Amino acid sequence: MKIEYDGKVMELDRPILVYKLLEKLSLNRETYLVVVNDRLVTEDHRLLPGDHVRLIRVVSGG
């Protein structure tokens, strides 16, 4: 699977749960949206080889 985040691209070749991927990348689950194959998914979604994954940082202001 191809994973894009913060201007970086990486490849993984085995299934992984979204929350495990975020832990592996040391990313806070509360500050990223996960889009898989153009669909927003939850942290318990299983990522599979062939998926295109985008991790989008949530930005808020006040």
PDB file of N, CA and C in Angstrom:
ATOM      1  N   MET A   1       0.836  -1.178   0.000  1.00  0.00           N
ATOM      2  CA  MET A   1       0.000   0.000   0.000  1.00  0.00           C
ATOM      3  C   MET A   1       0.878   1.238   0.000  1.00  0.00           C
ATOM      4  N   LYS A   2       0.393   2.277  -0.617  1.00  0.00           N
ATOM      5  CA  LYS A   2       1.109   3.554  -0.675  1.00  0.00           C
ATOM      6  C   LYS A   2       0.503   4.467   0.382  1.00  0.00           C
ATOM      7  N   ILE A   3       1.361   5.057   1.216  1.00  0.00           N
ATOM      8  CA  ILE A   3       0.913   5.921   2.306  1.00  0.00           C
ATOM      9  C   ILE A   3       1.541   7.300   2.122  1.00  0.00           C
ATOM     10  N   GLU A   4       0.693   8.319   2.072  1.00  0.00           N
ATOM     11  CA  GLU A   4       1.158   9.700   1.927  1.00  0.00           C
ATOM     12  C   GLU A   4       0.788  10.481   3.180  1.00  0.00           C
ATOM     13  N   TYR A   5       1.783  11.206   3.732  1.00  0.00           N
ATOM     14  CA  TYR A   5       1.515  12.046   4.907  1.00  0.00           C
ATOM     15  C   TYR A   5       2.611  13.089   5.055  1.00  0.00           C
ATOM     16  N   ASP A   6       2.219  14.290   5.428  1.00  0.00           N
ATOM     17  CA  ASP A   6       3.161  15.382   5.694  1.00  0.00           C
ATOM     18  C   ASP A   6       4.227  15.527   4.610  1.00  0.00           C
ATOM     19  N   GLY A   7       3.842  15.376   3.343  1.00  0.00           N
ATOM     20  CA  GLY A   7       4.787  15.522   2.240  1.00  0.00           C
ATOM     21  C   GLY A   7       5.695  14.321   2.037  1.00  0.00           C
ATOM     22  N   LYS A   8       5.454  13.249   2.761  1.00  0.00           N
ATOM     23  CA  LYS A   8       6.268  12.033   2.646  1.00  0.00           C
ATOM     24  C   LYS A   8       5.441  10.930   2.003  1.00  0.00           C
ATOM     25  N   VAL A   9       6.131   9.961   1.422  1.00  0.00           N
ATOM     26  CA  VAL A   9       5.466   8.796   0.841  1.00  0.00           C
ATOM     27  C   VAL A   9       6.213   7.560   1.311  1.00  0.00           C
ATOM     28  N   MET A  10       5.460   6.547   1.740  1.00  0.00           N
ATOM     29  CA  MET A  10       6.083   5.286   2.125  1.00  0.00           C
ATOM     30  C   MET A  10       5.240   4.133   1.600  1.00  0.00           C
ATOM     31  N   GLU A  11       5.822   2.977   1.538  1.00  0.00           N
ATOM     32  CA  GLU A  11       5.140   1.776   1.058  1.00  0.00           C
ATOM     33  C   GLU A  11       5.161   0.713   2.162  1.00  0.00           C
ATOM     34  N   LEU A  12       4.050   0.021   2.324  1.00  0.00           N
ATOM     35  CA  LEU A  12       3.963  -1.142   3.217  1.00  0.00           C
ATOM     36  C   LEU A  12       3.387  -2.291   2.398  1.00  0.00           C
ATOM     37  N   ASP A  13       3.821  -3.496   2.668  1.00  0.00           N
ATOM     38  CA  ASP A  13       3.356  -4.631   1.871  1.00  0.00           C
ATOM     39  C   ASP A  13       2.537  -5.649   2.657  1.00  0.00           C
ATOM     40  N   ARG A  14       2.163  -5.307   3.906  1.00  0.00           N
ATOM     41  CA  ARG A  14       1.349  -6.250   4.673  1.00  0.00           C
ATOM     42  C   ARG A  14       0.201  -5.501   5.357  1.00  0.00           C
ATOM     43  N   PRO A  15      -0.901  -6.191   5.630  1.00  0.00           N
ATOM     44  CA  PRO A  15      -2.060  -5.546   6.276  1.00  0.00           C
ATOM     45  C   PRO A  15      -1.698  -4.965   7.645  1.00  0.00           C
ATOM     46  N   ILE A  16      -2.358  -3.863   7.975  1.00  0.00           N
ATOM     47  CA  ILE A  16      -2.159  -3.224   9.275  1.00  0.00           C
ATOM     48  C   ILE A  16      -3.406  -2.412   9.601  1.00  0.00           C
ATOM     49  N   LEU A  17      -3.767  -2.341  10.870  1.00  0.00           N
ATOM     50  CA  LEU A  17      -4.885  -1.510  11.293  1.00  0.00           C
ATOM     51  C   LEU A  17      -4.453  -0.048  11.297  1.00  0.00           C
ATOM     52  N   VAL A  18      -5.399   0.849  11.026  1.00  0.00           N
ATOM     53  CA  VAL A  18      -5.092   2.279  10.962  1.00  0.00           C
ATOM     54  C   VAL A  18      -4.414   2.752  12.247  1.00  0.00           C
ATOM     55  N   TYR A  19      -4.962   2.403  13.404  1.00  0.00           N
ATOM     56  CA  TYR A  19      -4.373   2.915  14.645  1.00  0.00           C
ATOM     57  C   TYR A  19      -2.951   2.387  14.858  1.00  0.00           C
ATOM     58  N   LYS A  20      -2.666   1.170  14.386  1.00  0.00           N
ATOM     59  CA  LYS A  20      -1.310   0.626  14.486  1.00  0.00           C
ATOM     60  C   LYS A  20      -0.356   1.381  13.555  1.00  0.00           C
ATOM     61  N   LEU A  21      -0.838   1.732  12.374  1.00  0.00           N
ATOM     62  CA  LEU A  21      -0.022   2.523  11.444  1.00  0.00           C
ATOM     63  C   LEU A  21       0.330   3.871  12.061  1.00  0.00           C
ATOM     64  N   LEU A  22      -0.659   4.537  12.650  1.00  0.00           N
ATOM     65  CA  LEU A  22      -0.404   5.835  13.277  1.00  0.00           C
ATOM     66  C   LEU A  22       0.596   5.700  14.423  1.00  0.00           C
ATOM     67  N   GLU A  23       0.485   4.637  15.201  1.00  0.00           N
ATOM     68  CA  GLU A  23       1.452   4.402  16.278  1.00  0.00           C
ATOM     69  C   GLU A  23       2.850   4.189  15.693  1.00  0.00           C
ATOM     70  N   LYS A  24       2.934   3.386  14.636  1.00  0.00           N
ATOM     71  CA  LYS A  24       4.216   3.090  13.997  1.00  0.00           C
ATOM     72  C   LYS A  24       4.898   4.363  13.491  1.00  0.00           C
ATOM     73  N   LEU A  25       4.079   5.309  12.993  1.00  0.00           N
ATOM     74  CA  LEU A  25       4.612   6.568  12.464  1.00  0.00           C
ATOM     75  C   LEU A  25       4.740   7.639  13.555  1.00  0.00           C
ATOM     76  N   SER A  26       4.387   7.301  14.792  1.00  0.00           N
ATOM     77  CA  SER A  26       4.399   8.237  15.927  1.00  0.00           C
ATOM     78  C   SER A  26       3.528   9.464  15.654  1.00  0.00           C
ATOM     79  N   LEU A  27       2.353   9.217  15.087  1.00  0.00           N
ATOM     80  CA  LEU A  27       1.404  10.287  14.788  1.00  0.00           C
ATOM     81  C   LEU A  27       0.226  10.189  15.748  1.00  0.00           C
ATOM     82  N   ASN A  28      -0.246  11.331  16.223  1.00  0.00           N
ATOM     83  CA  ASN A  28      -1.373  11.397  17.145  1.00  0.00           C
ATOM     84  C   ASN A  28      -2.667  11.081  16.396  1.00  0.00           C
ATOM     85  N   ARG A  29      -3.414  10.091  16.863  1.00  0.00           N
ATOM     86  CA  ARG A  29      -4.656   9.672  16.199  1.00  0.00           C
ATOM     87  C   ARG A  29      -5.691  10.785  16.152  1.00  0.00           C
ATOM     88  N   GLU A  30      -5.625  11.711  17.089  1.00  0.00           N
ATOM     89  CA  GLU A  30      -6.622  12.771  17.167  1.00  0.00           C
ATOM     90  C   GLU A  30      -6.325  13.935  16.228  1.00  0.00           C
ATOM     91  N   THR A  31      -5.166  13.954  15.613  1.00  0.00           N
ATOM     92  CA  THR A  31      -4.818  15.078  14.743  1.00  0.00           C
ATOM     93  C   THR A  31      -4.725  14.708  13.265  1.00  0.00           C
ATOM     94  N   TYR A  32      -5.105  13.471  12.910  1.00  0.00           N
ATOM     95  CA  TYR A  32      -5.066  13.041  11.509  1.00  0.00           C
ATOM     96  C   TYR A  32      -6.368  12.374  11.096  1.00  0.00           C
ATOM     97  N   LEU A  33      -6.823  12.722   9.883  1.00  0.00           N
ATOM     98  CA  LEU A  33      -7.902  11.993   9.236  1.00  0.00           C
ATOM     99  C   LEU A  33      -7.241  10.977   8.320  1.00  0.00           C
ATOM    100  N   VAL A  34      -7.854   9.815   8.179  1.00  0.00           N
ATOM    101  CA  VAL A  34      -7.289   8.771   7.338  1.00  0.00           C
ATOM    102  C   VAL A  34      -8.248   8.502   6.176  1.00  0.00           C
ATOM    103  N   VAL A  35      -7.742   8.693   4.957  1.00  0.00           N
ATOM    104  CA  VAL A  35      -8.529   8.489   3.752  1.00  0.00           C
ATOM    105  C   VAL A  35      -7.910   7.327   2.989  1.00  0.00           C
ATOM    106  N   VAL A  36      -8.718   6.301   2.748  1.00  0.00           N
ATOM    107  CA  VAL A  36      -8.259   5.106   2.041  1.00  0.00           C
ATOM    108  C   VAL A  36      -9.077   4.967   0.762  1.00  0.00           C
ATOM    109  N   ASN A  37      -8.364   4.969  -0.362  1.00  0.00           N
ATOM    110  CA  ASN A  37      -9.040   4.851  -1.663  1.00  0.00           C
ATOM    111  C   ASN A  37     -10.184   5.865  -1.785  1.00  0.00           C
ATOM    112  N   ASP A  38      -9.885   7.119  -1.392  1.00  0.00           N
ATOM    113  CA  ASP A  38     -10.825   8.249  -1.457  1.00  0.00           C
ATOM    114  C   ASP A  38     -12.032   8.107  -0.532  1.00  0.00           C
ATOM    115  N   ARG A  39     -11.900   7.319   0.540  1.00  0.00           N
ATOM    116  CA  ARG A  39     -12.977   7.156   1.511  1.00  0.00           C
ATOM    117  C   ARG A  39     -12.425   7.348   2.915  1.00  0.00           C
ATOM    118  N   LEU A  40     -13.085   8.194   3.698  1.00  0.00           N
ATOM    119  CA  LEU A  40     -12.691   8.424   5.088  1.00  0.00           C
ATOM    120  C   LEU A  40     -12.963   7.155   5.897  1.00  0.00           C
ATOM    121  N   VAL A  41     -11.971   6.719   6.689  1.00  0.00           N
ATOM    122  CA  VAL A  41     -12.133   5.493   7.482  1.00  0.00           C
ATOM    123  C   VAL A  41     -11.828   5.771   8.951  1.00  0.00           C
ATOM    124  N   THR A  42     -12.224   4.832   9.800  1.00  0.00           N
ATOM    125  CA  THR A  42     -11.977   4.945  11.234  1.00  0.00           C
ATOM    126  C   THR A  42     -10.675   4.230  11.593  1.00  0.00           C
ATOM    127  N   GLU A  43     -10.251   4.404  12.831  1.00  0.00           N
ATOM    128  CA  GLU A  43      -8.955   3.855  13.254  1.00  0.00           C
ATOM    129  C   GLU A  43      -8.939   2.333  13.373  1.00  0.00           C
ATOM    130  N   ASP A  44     -10.103   1.682  13.336  1.00  0.00           N
ATOM    131  CA  ASP A  44     -10.128   0.222  13.394  1.00  0.00           C
ATOM    132  C   ASP A  44     -10.189  -0.426  12.002  1.00  0.00           C
ATOM    133  N   HIS A  45     -10.076   0.384  10.961  1.00  0.00           N
ATOM    134  CA  HIS A  45     -10.092  -0.114   9.577  1.00  0.00           C
ATOM    135  C   HIS A  45      -8.784  -0.842   9.273  1.00  0.00           C
ATOM    136  N   ARG A  46      -8.886  -1.980   8.578  1.00  0.00           N
ATOM    137  CA  ARG A  46      -7.696  -2.748   8.191  1.00  0.00           C
ATOM    138  C   ARG A  46      -7.227  -2.288   6.816  1.00  0.00           C
ATOM    139  N   LEU A  47      -5.978  -1.828   6.765  1.00  0.00           N
ATOM    140  CA  LEU A  47      -5.362  -1.419   5.510  1.00  0.00           C
ATOM    141  C   LEU A  47      -4.775  -2.642   4.823  1.00  0.00           C
ATOM    142  N   LEU A  48      -4.966  -2.733   3.511  1.00  0.00           N
ATOM    143  CA  LEU A  48      -4.532  -3.898   2.754  1.00  0.00           C
ATOM    144  C   LEU A  48      -3.551  -3.503   1.648  1.00  0.00           C
ATOM    145  N   PRO A  49      -2.700  -4.429   1.238  1.00  0.00           N
ATOM    146  CA  PRO A  49      -1.810  -4.148   0.101  1.00  0.00           C
ATOM    147  C   PRO A  49      -2.666  -3.698  -1.088  1.00  0.00           C
ATOM    148  N   GLY A  50      -2.190  -2.694  -1.800  1.00  0.00           N
ATOM    149  CA  GLY A  50      -2.947  -2.155  -2.929  1.00  0.00           C
ATOM    150  C   GLY A  50      -3.767  -0.927  -2.567  1.00  0.00           C
ATOM    151  N   ASP A  51      -3.987  -0.684  -1.266  1.00  0.00           N
ATOM    152  CA  ASP A  51      -4.715   0.518  -0.847  1.00  0.00           C
ATOM    153  C   ASP A  51      -3.864   1.760  -1.069  1.00  0.00           C
ATOM    154  N   HIS A  52      -4.544   2.876  -1.349  1.00  0.00           N
ATOM    155  CA  HIS A  52      -3.879   4.183  -1.401  1.00  0.00           C
ATOM    156  C   HIS A  52      -4.352   4.949  -0.172  1.00  0.00           C
ATOM    157  N   VAL A  53      -3.425   5.273   0.720  1.00  0.00           N
ATOM    158  CA  VAL A  53      -3.745   5.861   2.018  1.00  0.00           C
ATOM    159  C   VAL A  53      -3.194   7.276   2.085  1.00  0.00           C
ATOM    160  N   ARG A  54      -4.056   8.211   2.479  1.00  0.00           N
ATOM    161  CA  ARG A  54      -3.616   9.586   2.729  1.00  0.00           C
ATOM    162  C   ARG A  54      -3.925   9.932   4.180  1.00  0.00           C
ATOM    163  N   LEU A  55      -2.920  10.406   4.881  1.00  0.00           N
ATOM    164  CA  LEU A  55      -3.093  10.873   6.262  1.00  0.00           C
ATOM    165  C   LEU A  55      -3.114  12.390   6.204  1.00  0.00           C
ATOM    166  N   ILE A  56      -4.258  12.970   6.581  1.00  0.00           N
ATOM    167  CA  ILE A  56      -4.455  14.409   6.460  1.00  0.00           C
ATOM    168  C   ILE A  56      -4.478  15.021   7.853  1.00  0.00           C
ATOM    169  N   ARG A  57      -3.553  15.951   8.071  1.00  0.00           N
ATOM    170  CA  ARG A  57      -3.465  16.611   9.376  1.00  0.00           C
ATOM    171  C   ARG A  57      -4.650  17.561   9.533  1.00  0.00           C
ATOM    172  N   VAL A  58      -5.313  17.482  10.690  1.00  0.00           N
ATOM    173  CA  VAL A  58      -6.432  18.363  11.008  1.00  0.00           C
ATOM    174  C   VAL A  58      -5.866  19.636  11.592  1.00  0.00           C
ATOM    175  N   VAL A  59      -6.272  20.758  11.028  1.00  0.00           N
ATOM    176  CA  VAL A  59      -5.791  22.060  11.493  1.00  0.00           C
ATOM    177  C   VAL A  59      -6.989  22.852  11.970  1.00  0.00           C
ATOM    178  N   SER A  60      -6.868  23.419  13.160  1.00  0.00           N
ATOM    179  CA  SER A  60      -7.943  24.255  13.675  1.00  0.00           C
ATOM    180  C   SER A  60      -7.355  25.548  14.205  1.00  0.00           C
ATOM    181  N   GLY A  61      -8.177  26.531  14.274  1.00  0.00           N
ATOM    182  CA  GLY A  61      -7.726  27.831  14.753  1.00  0.00           C
ATOM    183  C   GLY A  61      -8.792  28.440  15.629  1.00  0.00           C
ATOM    184  N   GLY A  62      -8.428  29.493  16.267  1.00  0.00           N
ATOM    185  CA  GLY A  62      -9.413  30.079  17.159  1.00  0.00           C
ATOM    186  C   GLY A  62      -9.254  31.548  17.307  1.00  0.00           C
TER     187      GLY A  62
END
